[in-house]
Amino acid sequence: MGHINKEDPRYAMAVERAQKIKKFYSGILVFAIVFGVVYGVRFFKNGFPQNLGEMHVSWIFIIWALILAIKGLMLFFFNSDWENDMINKEIKKQNNGNY
């Protein structure tokens, strides 16, 4: 394994990506805790619903879950690798005089 150069732009990008992933997982953990507490209190207060039609999920949790899902998609599936590739191609064009 080679020496890690903290001045390398790839290192800065890797640190930024690791921070984004950490923030995403923290968001999921907070969502799970809040959801569990809210619906745990409802469960102990009202009991388990007899059928799933009686189970009401708050719009706040639905919107929050959608936002987390979109962030996850953007982070893991639509990451910025393609953007970095395009930037590198444009820089190569400029350096070769093709731009």
Protein backbone atom coordinates (compact mmCIF):
# COMPACT_ATOMS: atom_id res chain seq x y z
CA MET A 1 0.00 0.00 0.00
CA GLY A 2 1.39 3.35 -1.03
CA HIS A 3 1.89 6.50 0.94
CA ILE A 4 -1.20 8.70 1.27
CA ASN A 5 -0.56 12.19 -0.02
CA LYS A 6 -2.97 14.55 1.70
CA GLU A 7 -2.20 17.22 -0.90
CA ASP A 8 -3.59 15.02 -3.69
CA PRO A 9 -6.99 16.27 -4.96
CA ARG A 10 -8.19 12.65 -5.02
CA TYR A 11 -7.56 12.47 -1.27
CA ALA A 12 -9.72 15.56 -0.71
CA MET A 13 -12.47 14.05 -2.88
CA ALA A 14 -12.27 10.77 -0.95
CA VAL A 15 -12.52 12.59 2.38
CA GLU A 16 -15.51 14.59 1.13
CA ARG A 17 -17.25 11.42 -0.09
CA ALA A 18 -16.57 9.63 3.21
CA GLN A 19 -18.09 12.58 5.08
CA LYS A 20 -21.18 12.50 2.85
CA ILE A 21 -21.61 8.77 3.45
CA LYS A 22 -21.21 9.26 7.20
CA LYS A 23 -23.80 12.05 7.16
CA PHE A 24 -26.20 9.84 5.15
CA TYR A 25 -25.89 6.92 7.57
CA SER A 26 -26.32 9.30 10.52
CA GLY A 27 -29.52 10.57 8.91
CA ILE A 28 -30.83 7.03 8.54
CA LEU A 29 -29.99 6.29 12.17
CA VAL A 30 -31.80 9.43 13.39
CA PHE A 31 -34.81 8.56 11.20
CA ALA A 32 -34.93 5.01 12.58
CA ILE A 33 -34.67 6.20 16.19
CA VAL A 34 -37.35 8.90 15.84
CA PHE A 35 -39.65 6.57 13.88
CA GLY A 36 -39.15 3.80 16.42
CA VAL A 37 -39.87 6.07 19.37
CA VAL A 38 -42.97 7.65 17.82
CA TYR A 39 -44.50 4.38 16.69
CA GLY A 40 -43.30 2.55 19.80
CA VAL A 41 -45.25 5.02 21.92
CA ARG A 42 -48.28 4.60 19.65
CA PHE A 43 -47.99 0.82 19.93
CA PHE A 44 -47.83 0.81 23.72
CA LYS A 45 -50.60 3.39 23.95
CA ASN A 46 -53.06 1.92 21.43
CA GLY A 47 -51.87 -1.64 20.94
CA PHE A 48 -51.08 -3.34 17.66
CA PRO A 49 -53.56 -2.49 14.86
CA GLN A 50 -55.92 -5.32 13.91
CA ASN A 51 -55.27 -4.83 10.20
CA LEU A 52 -52.77 -2.84 8.19
CA GLY A 53 -55.46 -0.40 7.05
CA GLU A 54 -55.60 0.97 10.58
CA MET A 55 -51.89 1.69 10.63
CA HIS A 56 -51.42 5.38 9.81
CA VAL A 57 -48.01 6.69 8.89
CA SER A 58 -47.39 10.40 9.24
CA TRP A 59 -46.69 12.42 6.09
CA ILE A 60 -43.59 13.76 7.80
CA PHE A 61 -42.10 10.26 7.95
CA ILE A 62 -43.06 9.54 4.35
CA ILE A 63 -41.43 12.76 3.11
CA TRP A 64 -38.39 12.21 5.35
CA ALA A 65 -37.98 8.65 4.02
CA LEU A 66 -38.27 9.87 0.41
CA ILE A 67 -35.61 12.52 1.01
CA LEU A 68 -33.30 9.90 2.52
CA ALA A 69 -33.96 7.57 -0.42
CA ILE A 70 -33.14 10.31 -2.93
CA LYS A 71 -29.96 11.21 -1.04
CA GLY A 72 -28.97 7.55 -1.04
CA LEU A 73 -29.56 7.25 -4.77
CA MET A 74 -27.56 10.38 -5.44
CA LEU A 75 -24.74 9.24 -3.16
CA PHE A 76 -24.38 5.63 -4.24
CA PHE A 77 -25.78 5.41 -7.77
CA PHE A 78 -25.52 8.86 -9.31
CA ASN A 79 -22.21 9.86 -7.75
CA SER A 80 -19.90 12.45 -9.19
CA ASP A 81 -17.53 10.01 -10.93
CA TRP A 82 -19.04 10.77 -14.33
CA GLU A 83 -18.74 14.49 -13.62
CA ASN A 84 -15.07 14.09 -12.73
CA ASP A 85 -14.50 12.07 -15.92
CA MET A 86 -16.08 14.84 -18.00
CA ILE A 87 -13.93 17.47 -16.27
CA ASN A 88 -10.80 15.42 -16.93
CA LYS A 89 -11.76 15.01 -20.61
CA GLU A 90 -12.26 18.76 -20.97
CA ILE A 91 -8.91 19.47 -19.31
CA LYS A 92 -7.20 17.02 -21.70
CA LYS A 93 -8.88 18.74 -24.65
CA GLN A 94 -7.65 22.12 -23.46
CA ASN A 95 -4.11 20.82 -22.90
CA ASN A 96 -3.99 19.22 -26.36
CA GLY A 97 -5.31 22.33 -28.06
CA ASN A 98 -8.47 20.57 -29.22
CA TYR A 99 -10.78 22.89 -27.38
